[in-house]
Amino acid sequence: MTRRIRSRGAAVGAALLAVAAAGAGAAIVLWPAARTTATGAEAQRLELVTATGVHPLEVEIATTPERQALGLMYRTSLPDSKGMLFPHKEPRELTMWMRNTYIPLDMVFILRDGTVHRIEARTEPLSEHIISSDGPVLAVLEIAGGAAERLGLKPGDKVRHALFEAPPSN
């Protein structure tokens, strides 16, 4: 597993960029530095923007094939404030399953721009049933089963995270 190490220079550069953007009237979101969880995964802040408000989550980022294959298997609980994000380099049809996953999950399929494409709610624990994104998506967010409903998350809502920020135009 590789880790990105953020230097003090990078943090200063990001702060200067924020000041410059604010002075130009632009609104940007600076995400806190990643941290490592007890499972060794990288964790970052993510926000769900729904009709009921903005809901921050701490998500583990499954960036390697091994971490994506393991996912949330063998976990016995997951609070509504946590989850796992499965990012991909390019949008594509994605499929998931619940093998060795002991708790029900909501699978949130997310488009390149951070729009929620679809939600598979309360997936069946330990099932090998294939769950499809039903179209090309950039990422899947797994959260506790029923959390999408409790947070008011619906298709068309937005997910805010650096993964979904628009690339700079030239």
N, C-alpha and C. Protein backbone atom coordinates (compact mmCIF):
# COMPACT_ATOMS: atom_id res chain seq x y z
N MET A 1 0.84 -1.18 0.00
CA MET A 1 0.00 0.00 0.00
C MET A 1 0.88 1.24 0.00
N THR A 2 0.56 2.18 -0.83
CA THR A 2 1.34 3.41 -0.86
C THR A 2 0.58 4.49 -0.11
N ARG A 3 1.31 5.40 0.45
CA ARG A 3 0.72 6.52 1.16
C ARG A 3 1.24 7.81 0.57
N ARG A 4 0.35 8.78 0.51
CA ARG A 4 0.80 10.10 0.11
C ARG A 4 1.24 10.84 1.36
N ILE A 5 2.40 11.41 1.32
CA ILE A 5 2.90 12.17 2.47
C ILE A 5 2.82 13.64 2.10
N ARG A 6 2.12 14.37 2.92
CA ARG A 6 1.94 15.79 2.66
C ARG A 6 2.99 16.58 3.42
N SER A 7 3.72 17.38 2.71
CA SER A 7 4.78 18.17 3.34
C SER A 7 4.23 19.50 3.82
N ARG A 8 4.99 20.17 4.64
CA ARG A 8 4.62 21.48 5.12
C ARG A 8 4.48 22.43 3.94
N GLY A 9 5.37 22.29 2.94
CA GLY A 9 5.31 23.14 1.76
C GLY A 9 4.00 22.97 1.01
N ALA A 10 3.50 21.74 0.94
CA ALA A 10 2.22 21.51 0.27
C ALA A 10 1.09 22.17 1.03
N ALA A 11 1.14 22.11 2.36
CA ALA A 11 0.09 22.74 3.17
C ALA A 11 0.13 24.26 2.99
N VAL A 12 1.31 24.84 2.98
CA VAL A 12 1.44 26.28 2.78
C VAL A 12 0.93 26.65 1.39
N GLY A 13 1.28 25.85 0.39
CA GLY A 13 0.82 26.10 -0.97
C GLY A 13 -0.70 26.06 -1.06
N ALA A 14 -1.31 25.09 -0.39
CA ALA A 14 -2.76 24.98 -0.40
C ALA A 14 -3.41 26.18 0.28
N ALA A 15 -2.81 26.64 1.37
CA ALA A 15 -3.34 27.81 2.06
C ALA A 15 -3.24 29.05 1.18
N LEU A 16 -2.12 29.22 0.49
CA LEU A 16 -1.96 30.36 -0.41
C LEU A 16 -2.97 30.29 -1.55
N LEU A 17 -3.21 29.10 -2.08
CA LEU A 17 -4.20 28.93 -3.13
C LEU A 17 -5.57 29.32 -2.62
N ALA A 18 -5.91 28.95 -1.41
CA ALA A 18 -7.21 29.29 -0.83
C ALA A 18 -7.36 30.79 -0.69
N VAL A 19 -6.33 31.46 -0.22
CA VAL A 19 -6.37 32.91 -0.07
C VAL A 19 -6.53 33.58 -1.43
N ALA A 20 -5.77 33.12 -2.42
CA ALA A 20 -5.85 33.69 -3.76
C ALA A 20 -7.24 33.47 -4.36
N ALA A 21 -7.78 32.28 -4.19
CA ALA A 21 -9.10 31.99 -4.74
C ALA A 21 -10.17 32.82 -4.05
N ALA A 22 -10.07 32.96 -2.74
CA ALA A 22 -11.04 33.75 -2.00
C ALA A 22 -10.99 35.20 -2.45
N GLY A 23 -9.79 35.71 -2.68
CA GLY A 23 -9.65 37.09 -3.14
C GLY A 23 -10.22 37.28 -4.53
N ALA A 24 -10.23 36.24 -5.32
CA ALA A 24 -10.77 36.33 -6.68
C ALA A 24 -12.28 36.06 -6.70
N GLY A 25 -12.87 35.83 -5.53
CA GLY A 25 -14.31 35.59 -5.45
C GLY A 25 -14.69 34.15 -5.69
N ALA A 26 -13.73 33.25 -5.77
CA ALA A 26 -14.03 31.84 -6.02
C ALA A 26 -14.27 31.14 -4.70
N ALA A 27 -15.09 30.12 -4.73
CA ALA A 27 -15.33 29.32 -3.54
C ALA A 27 -14.69 27.96 -3.75
N ILE A 28 -13.81 27.56 -2.85
CA ILE A 28 -13.20 26.25 -2.94
C ILE A 28 -13.33 25.55 -1.60
N VAL A 29 -13.20 24.26 -1.62
CA VAL A 29 -13.27 23.47 -0.40
C VAL A 29 -11.90 22.86 -0.18
N LEU A 30 -11.32 23.08 0.97
CA LEU A 30 -10.05 22.44 1.32
C LEU A 30 -10.38 21.27 2.24
N TRP A 31 -9.97 20.09 1.87
CA TRP A 31 -10.23 18.90 2.66
C TRP A 31 -9.09 18.71 3.64
N PRO A 32 -9.41 18.32 4.86
CA PRO A 32 -8.35 18.07 5.84
C PRO A 32 -7.42 16.97 5.34
N ALA A 33 -6.22 16.99 5.84
CA ALA A 33 -5.26 15.95 5.47
C ALA A 33 -5.82 14.59 5.84
N ALA A 34 -5.44 13.62 5.07
CA ALA A 34 -5.87 12.25 5.33
C ALA A 34 -5.21 11.75 6.61
N ARG A 35 -5.86 10.80 7.24
CA ARG A 35 -5.28 10.14 8.40
C ARG A 35 -5.42 8.65 8.19
N THR A 36 -4.66 7.88 8.92
CA THR A 36 -4.70 6.43 8.79
C THR A 36 -5.57 5.87 9.90
N THR A 37 -6.48 4.96 9.55
CA THR A 37 -7.38 4.35 10.53
C THR A 37 -6.71 3.14 11.18
N ALA A 38 -7.40 2.55 12.15
CA ALA A 38 -6.87 1.37 12.84
C ALA A 38 -6.69 0.20 11.89
N THR A 39 -7.45 0.19 10.78
CA THR A 39 -7.33 -0.90 9.81
C THR A 39 -6.21 -0.63 8.81
N GLY A 40 -5.53 0.50 8.92
CA GLY A 40 -4.45 0.84 8.01
C GLY A 40 -4.91 1.57 6.76
N ALA A 41 -6.20 1.84 6.65
CA ALA A 41 -6.74 2.55 5.49
C ALA A 41 -6.60 4.06 5.68
N GLU A 42 -6.53 4.75 4.57
CA GLU A 42 -6.51 6.21 4.59
C GLU A 42 -7.95 6.69 4.81
N ALA A 43 -8.15 7.65 5.71
CA ALA A 43 -9.49 8.19 5.98
C ALA A 43 -9.51 9.68 5.66
N GLN A 44 -10.61 10.12 5.06
CA GLN A 44 -10.78 11.53 4.71
C GLN A 44 -12.21 11.94 4.99
N ARG A 45 -12.42 13.25 4.98
CA ARG A 45 -13.76 13.80 5.16
C ARG A 45 -14.47 13.83 3.81
N LEU A 46 -15.76 13.56 3.85
CA LEU A 46 -16.63 13.60 2.69
C LEU A 46 -17.94 14.20 3.16
N GLU A 47 -18.63 14.93 2.31
CA GLU A 47 -19.91 15.52 2.70
C GLU A 47 -21.01 15.08 1.74
N LEU A 48 -22.15 14.73 2.31
CA LEU A 48 -23.35 14.43 1.54
C LEU A 48 -24.24 15.66 1.61
N VAL A 49 -24.61 16.20 0.46
CA VAL A 49 -25.43 17.41 0.41
C VAL A 49 -26.83 16.99 -0.02
N THR A 50 -27.76 17.06 0.93
CA THR A 50 -29.13 16.60 0.70
C THR A 50 -30.12 17.71 1.01
N ALA A 51 -31.39 17.45 0.76
CA ALA A 51 -32.44 18.42 1.09
C ALA A 51 -32.51 18.66 2.60
N THR A 52 -32.01 17.72 3.40
CA THR A 52 -32.05 17.88 4.86
C THR A 52 -30.80 18.56 5.41
N GLY A 53 -29.84 18.89 4.53
CA GLY A 53 -28.62 19.59 4.98
C GLY A 53 -27.36 18.91 4.48
N VAL A 54 -26.25 19.36 5.05
CA VAL A 54 -24.93 18.81 4.71
C VAL A 54 -24.54 17.85 5.82
N HIS A 55 -24.20 16.64 5.44
CA HIS A 55 -23.87 15.59 6.41
C HIS A 55 -22.42 15.15 6.21
N PRO A 56 -21.52 15.53 7.13
CA PRO A 56 -20.12 15.11 7.00
C PRO A 56 -19.94 13.65 7.42
N LEU A 57 -19.07 12.96 6.70
CA LEU A 57 -18.72 11.58 7.02
C LEU A 57 -17.21 11.46 7.02
N GLU A 58 -16.70 10.53 7.81
CA GLU A 58 -15.29 10.15 7.71
C GLU A 58 -15.27 8.83 6.95
N VAL A 59 -14.61 8.85 5.80
CA VAL A 59 -14.61 7.65 4.95
C VAL A 59 -13.21 7.11 4.77
N GLU A 60 -13.11 5.80 4.81
CA GLU A 60 -11.87 5.13 4.44
C GLU A 60 -11.83 5.11 2.93
N ILE A 61 -10.65 5.34 2.36
CA ILE A 61 -10.49 5.37 0.92
C ILE A 61 -9.86 4.05 0.47
N ALA A 62 -10.58 3.29 -0.32
CA ALA A 62 -10.09 2.01 -0.83
C ALA A 62 -9.38 2.26 -2.16
N THR A 63 -8.09 2.59 -2.09
CA THR A 63 -7.36 3.02 -3.29
C THR A 63 -6.61 1.89 -3.98
N THR A 64 -6.38 0.79 -3.31
CA THR A 64 -5.63 -0.30 -3.93
C THR A 64 -6.59 -1.44 -4.27
N PRO A 65 -6.24 -2.29 -5.23
CA PRO A 65 -7.10 -3.45 -5.53
C PRO A 65 -7.34 -4.33 -4.30
N GLU A 66 -6.33 -4.48 -3.46
CA GLU A 66 -6.48 -5.31 -2.25
C GLU A 66 -7.48 -4.69 -1.29
N ARG A 67 -7.39 -3.37 -1.08
CA ARG A 67 -8.30 -2.67 -0.17
C ARG A 67 -9.72 -2.70 -0.74
N GLN A 68 -9.84 -2.57 -2.08
CA GLN A 68 -11.17 -2.61 -2.69
C GLN A 68 -11.77 -4.01 -2.58
N ALA A 69 -10.96 -5.05 -2.73
CA ALA A 69 -11.47 -6.41 -2.61
C ALA A 69 -11.93 -6.70 -1.18
N LEU A 70 -11.22 -6.19 -0.19
CA LEU A 70 -11.58 -6.41 1.21
C LEU A 70 -12.78 -5.57 1.62
N GLY A 71 -12.80 -4.31 1.19
CA GLY A 71 -13.93 -3.43 1.50
C GLY A 71 -14.27 -3.42 2.98
N LEU A 72 -15.54 -3.57 3.29
CA LEU A 72 -16.01 -3.58 4.68
C LEU A 72 -16.32 -5.00 5.17
N MET A 73 -15.70 -5.99 4.54
CA MET A 73 -15.88 -7.37 4.98
C MET A 73 -15.45 -7.52 6.44
N TYR A 74 -16.12 -8.40 7.12
CA TYR A 74 -15.79 -8.82 8.48
C TYR A 74 -16.08 -7.76 9.54
N ARG A 75 -16.60 -6.62 9.17
CA ARG A 75 -16.97 -5.60 10.16
C ARG A 75 -18.29 -6.00 10.80
N THR A 76 -18.44 -5.68 12.08
CA THR A 76 -19.67 -6.03 12.78
C THR A 76 -20.53 -4.80 13.08
N SER A 77 -20.02 -3.61 12.78
CA SER A 77 -20.81 -2.39 12.97
C SER A 77 -20.21 -1.28 12.11
N LEU A 78 -21.03 -0.28 11.82
CA LEU A 78 -20.60 0.89 11.07
C LEU A 78 -21.52 2.05 11.44
N PRO A 79 -21.01 3.08 12.11
CA PRO A 79 -21.86 4.22 12.45
C PRO A 79 -22.28 5.01 11.21
N ASP A 80 -23.38 5.75 11.31
CA ASP A 80 -23.85 6.57 10.19
C ASP A 80 -22.83 7.63 9.78
N SER A 81 -21.91 7.97 10.64
CA SER A 81 -20.92 9.02 10.36
C SER A 81 -19.68 8.50 9.64
N LYS A 82 -19.66 7.22 9.31
CA LYS A 82 -18.48 6.62 8.68
C LYS A 82 -18.88 5.85 7.42
N GLY A 83 -17.88 5.52 6.61
CA GLY A 83 -18.14 4.75 5.41
C GLY A 83 -16.84 4.42 4.70
N MET A 84 -16.97 3.87 3.49
CA MET A 84 -15.81 3.55 2.67
C MET A 84 -16.09 4.00 1.25
N LEU A 85 -15.12 4.69 0.65
CA LEU A 85 -15.22 5.18 -0.72
C LEU A 85 -14.32 4.35 -1.61
N PHE A 86 -14.89 3.86 -2.71
CA PHE A 86 -14.17 3.06 -3.69
C PHE A 86 -14.01 3.89 -4.96
N PRO A 87 -12.92 4.64 -5.09
CA PRO A 87 -12.74 5.49 -6.28
C PRO A 87 -12.13 4.71 -7.44
N HIS A 88 -12.41 5.17 -8.65
CA HIS A 88 -11.83 4.60 -9.86
C HIS A 88 -11.28 5.72 -10.71
N LYS A 89 -10.33 5.40 -11.59
CA LYS A 89 -9.68 6.44 -12.39
C LYS A 89 -10.60 7.04 -13.43
N GLU A 90 -11.47 6.24 -14.00
CA GLU A 90 -12.40 6.68 -15.03
C GLU A 90 -13.78 6.10 -14.74
N PRO A 91 -14.84 6.79 -15.14
CA PRO A 91 -16.18 6.23 -14.96
C PRO A 91 -16.33 4.92 -15.73
N ARG A 92 -17.02 3.98 -15.08
CA ARG A 92 -17.30 2.69 -15.72
C ARG A 92 -18.42 2.00 -14.95
N GLU A 93 -18.98 1.00 -15.57
CA GLU A 93 -19.99 0.18 -14.90
C GLU A 93 -19.29 -0.55 -13.75
N LEU A 94 -19.82 -0.45 -12.56
CA LEU A 94 -19.22 -1.11 -11.40
C LEU A 94 -20.19 -2.13 -10.82
N THR A 95 -19.63 -3.20 -10.29
CA THR A 95 -20.44 -4.21 -9.62
C THR A 95 -19.83 -4.50 -8.25
N MET A 96 -20.69 -4.79 -7.31
CA MET A 96 -20.28 -5.06 -5.93
C MET A 96 -21.04 -6.29 -5.46
N TRP A 97 -20.60 -6.86 -4.32
CA TRP A 97 -21.34 -7.92 -3.66
C TRP A 97 -21.08 -7.83 -2.17
N MET A 98 -21.75 -8.69 -1.41
CA MET A 98 -21.70 -8.62 0.05
C MET A 98 -21.03 -9.85 0.67
N ARG A 99 -20.23 -10.58 -0.10
CA ARG A 99 -19.55 -11.76 0.43
C ARG A 99 -18.75 -11.36 1.68
N ASN A 100 -18.88 -12.14 2.73
CA ASN A 100 -18.15 -11.93 3.99
C ASN A 100 -18.40 -10.57 4.63
N THR A 101 -19.52 -9.95 4.28
CA THR A 101 -19.90 -8.66 4.89
C THR A 101 -21.06 -8.95 5.83
N TYR A 102 -20.84 -8.70 7.12
CA TYR A 102 -21.79 -9.12 8.15
C TYR A 102 -22.91 -8.14 8.42
N ILE A 103 -22.78 -6.92 7.93
CA ILE A 103 -23.78 -5.88 8.22
C ILE A 103 -24.41 -5.39 6.93
N PRO A 104 -25.69 -5.00 6.97
CA PRO A 104 -26.29 -4.42 5.76
C PRO A 104 -25.65 -3.07 5.45
N LEU A 105 -25.51 -2.78 4.17
CA LEU A 105 -24.91 -1.52 3.73
C LEU A 105 -25.82 -0.85 2.72
N ASP A 106 -25.67 0.47 2.59
CA ASP A 106 -26.23 1.21 1.47
C ASP A 106 -25.06 1.46 0.53
N MET A 107 -25.24 1.12 -0.75
CA MET A 107 -24.21 1.38 -1.75
C MET A 107 -24.66 2.57 -2.58
N VAL A 108 -23.85 3.63 -2.54
CA VAL A 108 -24.17 4.88 -3.23
C VAL A 108 -23.25 4.97 -4.45
N PHE A 109 -23.82 4.92 -5.64
CA PHE A 109 -23.05 4.98 -6.88
C PHE A 109 -22.99 6.44 -7.32
N ILE A 110 -21.77 6.94 -7.56
CA ILE A 110 -21.55 8.38 -7.74
C ILE A 110 -20.92 8.69 -9.09
N LEU A 111 -21.49 9.66 -9.79
CA LEU A 111 -20.98 10.10 -11.08
C LEU A 111 -19.71 10.94 -10.92
N ARG A 112 -19.04 11.22 -12.01
CA ARG A 112 -17.78 11.98 -12.02
C ARG A 112 -17.92 13.34 -11.32
N ASP A 113 -19.07 14.00 -11.48
CA ASP A 113 -19.23 15.34 -10.90
C ASP A 113 -19.73 15.32 -9.46
N GLY A 114 -19.82 14.13 -8.85
CA GLY A 114 -20.25 14.03 -7.46
C GLY A 114 -21.75 13.85 -7.30
N THR A 115 -22.48 13.71 -8.39
CA THR A 115 -23.93 13.50 -8.31
C THR A 115 -24.22 12.03 -7.98
N VAL A 116 -25.14 11.82 -7.05
CA VAL A 116 -25.56 10.47 -6.71
C VAL A 116 -26.36 9.91 -7.89
N HIS A 117 -25.86 8.84 -8.48
CA HIS A 117 -26.52 8.20 -9.63
C HIS A 117 -27.65 7.29 -9.16
N ARG A 118 -27.31 6.41 -8.23
CA ARG A 118 -28.32 5.51 -7.67
C ARG A 118 -27.86 4.98 -6.32
N ILE A 119 -28.81 4.47 -5.55
CA ILE A 119 -28.53 3.91 -4.22
C ILE A 119 -29.14 2.52 -4.15
N GLU A 120 -28.33 1.56 -3.76
CA GLU A 120 -28.82 0.22 -3.45
C GLU A 120 -28.90 0.18 -1.92
N ALA A 121 -30.11 0.26 -1.39
CA ALA A 121 -30.32 0.39 0.05
C ALA A 121 -30.39 -0.97 0.74
N ARG A 122 -29.86 -0.99 1.94
CA ARG A 122 -29.95 -2.15 2.84
C ARG A 122 -29.62 -3.47 2.13
N THR A 123 -28.41 -3.55 1.62
CA THR A 123 -27.98 -4.76 0.95
C THR A 123 -27.97 -5.93 1.93
N GLU A 124 -28.13 -7.12 1.39
CA GLU A 124 -28.24 -8.31 2.22
C GLU A 124 -26.87 -8.82 2.65
N PRO A 125 -26.61 -8.90 3.96
CA PRO A 125 -25.33 -9.41 4.44
C PRO A 125 -25.06 -10.82 3.91
N LEU A 126 -23.78 -11.09 3.63
CA LEU A 126 -23.27 -12.39 3.21
C LEU A 126 -23.77 -12.86 1.85
N SER A 127 -24.46 -12.01 1.12
CA SER A 127 -25.01 -12.39 -0.18
C SER A 127 -23.94 -12.29 -1.27
N GLU A 128 -24.01 -13.19 -2.25
CA GLU A 128 -23.14 -13.12 -3.41
C GLU A 128 -23.89 -12.57 -4.62
N HIS A 129 -25.07 -12.02 -4.38
CA HIS A 129 -25.84 -11.36 -5.43
C HIS A 129 -25.05 -10.17 -5.96
N ILE A 130 -24.93 -10.03 -7.26
CA ILE A 130 -24.17 -8.94 -7.86
C ILE A 130 -25.04 -7.69 -7.91
N ILE A 131 -24.49 -6.59 -7.41
CA ILE A 131 -25.16 -5.29 -7.38
C ILE A 131 -24.45 -4.38 -8.37
N SER A 132 -25.19 -3.88 -9.34
CA SER A 132 -24.61 -3.09 -10.42
C SER A 132 -24.89 -1.60 -10.25
N SER A 133 -23.99 -0.79 -10.78
CA SER A 133 -24.18 0.66 -10.76
C SER A 133 -25.24 1.09 -11.76
N ASP A 134 -25.61 0.23 -12.70
CA ASP A 134 -26.59 0.57 -13.75
C ASP A 134 -26.15 1.80 -14.54
N GLY A 135 -24.91 1.81 -14.96
CA GLY A 135 -24.36 2.90 -15.75
C GLY A 135 -22.96 3.23 -15.27
N PRO A 136 -22.20 3.99 -16.07
CA PRO A 136 -20.84 4.32 -15.67
C PRO A 136 -20.80 5.33 -14.52
N VAL A 137 -20.03 4.98 -13.49
CA VAL A 137 -19.85 5.85 -12.32
C VAL A 137 -18.36 5.92 -12.00
N LEU A 138 -17.97 6.94 -11.25
CA LEU A 138 -16.57 7.11 -10.87
C LEU A 138 -16.26 6.44 -9.53
N ALA A 139 -17.27 6.29 -8.68
CA ALA A 139 -17.00 5.76 -7.34
C ALA A 139 -18.25 5.14 -6.73
N VAL A 140 -18.00 4.35 -5.71
CA VAL A 140 -19.07 3.79 -4.88
C VAL A 140 -18.75 4.17 -3.44
N LEU A 141 -19.77 4.63 -2.73
CA LEU A 141 -19.65 4.93 -1.31
C LEU A 141 -20.50 3.90 -0.57
N GLU A 142 -19.88 3.19 0.38
CA GLU A 142 -20.63 2.26 1.22
C GLU A 142 -20.81 2.91 2.58
N ILE A 143 -22.08 2.94 3.02
CA ILE A 143 -22.42 3.48 4.33
C ILE A 143 -23.33 2.47 5.03
N ALA A 144 -23.59 2.70 6.30
CA ALA A 144 -24.42 1.78 7.07
C ALA A 144 -25.78 1.60 6.42
N GLY A 145 -26.30 0.38 6.45
CA GLY A 145 -27.62 0.09 5.89
C GLY A 145 -28.68 0.98 6.50
N GLY A 146 -29.44 1.66 5.65
CA GLY A 146 -30.48 2.58 6.11
C GLY A 146 -30.00 4.00 6.33
N ALA A 147 -28.70 4.24 6.32
CA ALA A 147 -28.17 5.58 6.57
C ALA A 147 -28.59 6.56 5.48
N ALA A 148 -28.62 6.11 4.23
CA ALA A 148 -29.03 7.02 3.14
C ALA A 148 -30.42 7.57 3.42
N GLU A 149 -31.33 6.70 3.81
CA GLU A 149 -32.69 7.15 4.13
C GLU A 149 -32.69 8.06 5.36
N ARG A 150 -31.97 7.69 6.41
CA ARG A 150 -31.93 8.50 7.63
C ARG A 150 -31.35 9.90 7.36
N LEU A 151 -30.39 9.98 6.42
CA LEU A 151 -29.77 11.27 6.10
C LEU A 151 -30.51 12.01 4.99
N GLY A 152 -31.52 11.39 4.40
CA GLY A 152 -32.28 12.02 3.33
C GLY A 152 -31.56 12.01 1.99
N LEU A 153 -30.60 11.09 1.80
CA LEU A 153 -29.83 11.02 0.56
C LEU A 153 -30.65 10.35 -0.53
N LYS A 154 -30.68 11.00 -1.71
CA LYS A 154 -31.44 10.49 -2.85
C LYS A 154 -30.63 10.67 -4.13
N PRO A 155 -30.97 9.92 -5.19
CA PRO A 155 -30.33 10.15 -6.49
C PRO A 155 -30.51 11.63 -6.89
N GLY A 156 -29.46 12.21 -7.44
CA GLY A 156 -29.47 13.63 -7.80
C GLY A 156 -28.81 14.51 -6.76
N ASP A 157 -28.69 14.01 -5.50
CA ASP A 157 -27.99 14.77 -4.46
C ASP A 157 -26.50 14.78 -4.79
N LYS A 158 -25.75 15.59 -4.05
CA LYS A 158 -24.32 15.75 -4.32
C LYS A 158 -23.45 15.17 -3.20
N VAL A 159 -22.28 14.69 -3.63
CA VAL A 159 -21.25 14.23 -2.71
C VAL A 159 -20.07 15.16 -2.91
N ARG A 160 -19.61 15.77 -1.81
CA ARG A 160 -18.46 16.67 -1.89
C ARG A 160 -17.22 15.97 -1.35
N HIS A 161 -16.22 15.89 -2.22
CA HIS A 161 -14.93 15.31 -1.88
C HIS A 161 -13.98 15.69 -3.00
N ALA A 162 -12.69 15.74 -2.71
CA ALA A 162 -11.70 16.13 -3.71
C ALA A 162 -11.77 15.26 -4.97
N LEU A 163 -12.16 14.01 -4.85
CA LEU A 163 -12.28 13.11 -5.99
C LEU A 163 -13.23 13.67 -7.07
N PHE A 164 -14.25 14.40 -6.63
CA PHE A 164 -15.28 14.86 -7.55
C PHE A 164 -15.12 16.32 -7.96
N GLU A 165 -14.05 16.97 -7.54
CA GLU A 165 -13.82 18.36 -7.93
C GLU A 165 -13.51 18.42 -9.42
N ALA A 166 -14.04 19.44 -10.07
CA ALA A 166 -13.81 19.59 -11.51
C ALA A 166 -12.34 19.88 -11.77
N PRO A 167 -11.77 19.28 -12.82
CA PRO A 167 -10.38 19.59 -13.16
C PRO A 167 -10.28 21.03 -13.63
N PRO A 168 -9.13 21.70 -13.40
CA PRO A 168 -9.00 23.10 -13.81
C PRO A 168 -9.07 23.20 -15.33
N SER A 169 -9.76 24.25 -15.82
CA SER A 169 -9.83 24.46 -17.26
C SER A 169 -8.66 25.31 -17.71
N ASN A 170 -8.18 25.05 -18.91
CA ASN A 170 -7.02 25.78 -19.44
C ASN A 170 -7.44 26.94 -20.28
